[in-house]
Amino acid sequence: MSSVASDELLSPCDLLHHDELLSATFRLFDLVFPEFFEEV
C-alpha cells in the first residue's frame, strides 16, 4: 500500500499543483522581501 501512496504523491497533477504553489510562494516572498531577492 505504501507504493500506491507514493505513486499518488508523484502523479503529474500533484507535481503541477506543487509547481504552481511554489511559484506563488516565490511571488509572495518577492512582494514581502524584495531586498532579499535583490541580494541573491
N, C-alpha and C. Protein backbone atom coordinates (compact mmCIF):
# COMPACT_ATOMS: atom_id res chain seq x y z
N MET A 1 0.83 -1.21 0.00
CA MET A 1 0.00 0.00 0.00
C MET A 1 0.86 1.26 0.00
N SER A 2 2.06 1.14 0.53
CA SER A 2 2.94 2.32 0.56
C SER A 2 3.33 2.74 -0.85
N SER A 3 3.50 1.73 -1.75
CA SER A 3 3.88 2.05 -3.13
C SER A 3 2.75 2.80 -3.83
N VAL A 4 1.51 2.47 -3.53
CA VAL A 4 0.37 3.15 -4.14
C VAL A 4 0.33 4.60 -3.67
N ALA A 5 0.60 4.81 -2.39
CA ALA A 5 0.58 6.18 -1.85
C ALA A 5 1.69 7.01 -2.49
N SER A 6 2.87 6.43 -2.68
CA SER A 6 3.98 7.17 -3.28
C SER A 6 3.67 7.51 -4.73
N ASP A 7 2.99 6.60 -5.44
CA ASP A 7 2.62 6.86 -6.83
C ASP A 7 1.65 8.03 -6.90
N GLU A 8 0.74 8.11 -5.95
CA GLU A 8 -0.21 9.22 -5.93
C GLU A 8 0.50 10.53 -5.65
N LEU A 9 1.49 10.50 -4.77
CA LEU A 9 2.23 11.71 -4.44
C LEU A 9 3.03 12.21 -5.64
N LEU A 10 3.48 11.28 -6.47
CA LEU A 10 4.32 11.66 -7.61
C LEU A 10 3.54 11.77 -8.92
N SER A 11 2.21 11.86 -8.81
CA SER A 11 1.41 11.96 -10.03
C SER A 11 1.65 13.31 -10.70
N PRO A 12 1.55 13.39 -12.02
CA PRO A 12 1.79 14.64 -12.76
C PRO A 12 0.91 15.79 -12.27
N CYS A 13 -0.34 15.49 -11.94
CA CYS A 13 -1.25 16.55 -11.48
C CYS A 13 -0.74 17.15 -10.17
N ASP A 14 -0.27 16.29 -9.26
CA ASP A 14 0.24 16.79 -7.99
C ASP A 14 1.51 17.60 -8.20
N LEU A 15 2.35 17.16 -9.13
CA LEU A 15 3.58 17.89 -9.42
C LEU A 15 3.27 19.26 -10.01
N LEU A 16 2.27 19.31 -10.89
CA LEU A 16 1.89 20.58 -11.50
C LEU A 16 1.34 21.52 -10.43
N HIS A 17 0.49 20.98 -9.56
CA HIS A 17 -0.07 21.80 -8.49
C HIS A 17 1.04 22.30 -7.57
N HIS A 18 2.01 21.43 -7.28
CA HIS A 18 3.14 21.81 -6.42
C HIS A 18 3.95 22.91 -7.07
N ASP A 19 4.13 22.82 -8.39
CA ASP A 19 4.92 23.83 -9.10
C ASP A 19 4.21 25.18 -9.07
N GLU A 20 2.88 25.16 -9.22
CA GLU A 20 2.10 26.40 -9.17
C GLU A 20 2.16 27.00 -7.77
N LEU A 21 2.05 26.13 -6.76
CA LEU A 21 2.11 26.59 -5.38
C LEU A 21 3.48 27.18 -5.07
N LEU A 22 4.52 26.55 -5.61
CA LEU A 22 5.88 27.03 -5.37
C LEU A 22 6.10 28.39 -6.01
N SER A 23 5.63 28.56 -7.24
CA SER A 23 5.79 29.84 -7.94
C SER A 23 4.99 30.93 -7.23
N ALA A 24 3.82 30.59 -6.73
CA ALA A 24 3.00 31.56 -6.00
C ALA A 24 3.71 31.97 -4.71
N THR A 25 4.36 31.01 -4.05
CA THR A 25 5.09 31.31 -2.83
C THR A 25 6.26 32.25 -3.10
N PHE A 26 6.97 32.02 -4.23
CA PHE A 26 8.08 32.89 -4.59
C PHE A 26 7.60 34.30 -4.89
N ARG A 27 6.43 34.42 -5.56
CA ARG A 27 5.88 35.74 -5.85
C ARG A 27 5.52 36.46 -4.56
N LEU A 28 4.97 35.70 -3.60
CA LEU A 28 4.61 36.30 -2.31
C LEU A 28 5.86 36.79 -1.58
N PHE A 29 6.91 35.98 -1.57
CA PHE A 29 8.16 36.38 -0.93
C PHE A 29 8.78 37.58 -1.65
N ASP A 30 8.62 37.62 -2.97
CA ASP A 30 9.18 38.73 -3.74
C ASP A 30 8.49 40.03 -3.36
N LEU A 31 7.20 39.94 -3.03
CA LEU A 31 6.45 41.14 -2.62
C LEU A 31 6.82 41.56 -1.19
N VAL A 32 6.98 40.55 -0.32
CA VAL A 32 7.24 40.85 1.09
C VAL A 32 8.71 41.18 1.35
N PHE A 33 9.59 40.42 0.69
CA PHE A 33 11.03 40.63 0.90
C PHE A 33 11.75 40.92 -0.41
N PRO A 34 11.48 42.05 -1.06
CA PRO A 34 12.14 42.34 -2.35
C PRO A 34 13.65 42.49 -2.20
N GLU A 35 14.11 43.06 -1.08
CA GLU A 35 15.54 43.27 -0.90
C GLU A 35 16.28 41.93 -0.78
N PHE A 36 15.60 40.90 -0.26
CA PHE A 36 16.22 39.59 -0.12
C PHE A 36 16.55 39.02 -1.50
N PHE A 37 15.63 39.18 -2.46
CA PHE A 37 15.87 38.64 -3.80
C PHE A 37 16.87 39.50 -4.57
N GLU A 38 16.97 40.75 -4.21
CA GLU A 38 17.95 41.60 -4.89
C GLU A 38 19.37 41.22 -4.49
N GLU A 39 19.55 40.80 -3.24
CA GLU A 39 20.88 40.42 -2.78
C GLU A 39 21.31 39.08 -3.36
N VAL A 40 20.35 38.17 -3.55
CA VAL A 40 20.67 36.82 -4.05
C VAL A 40 20.85 36.79 -5.55
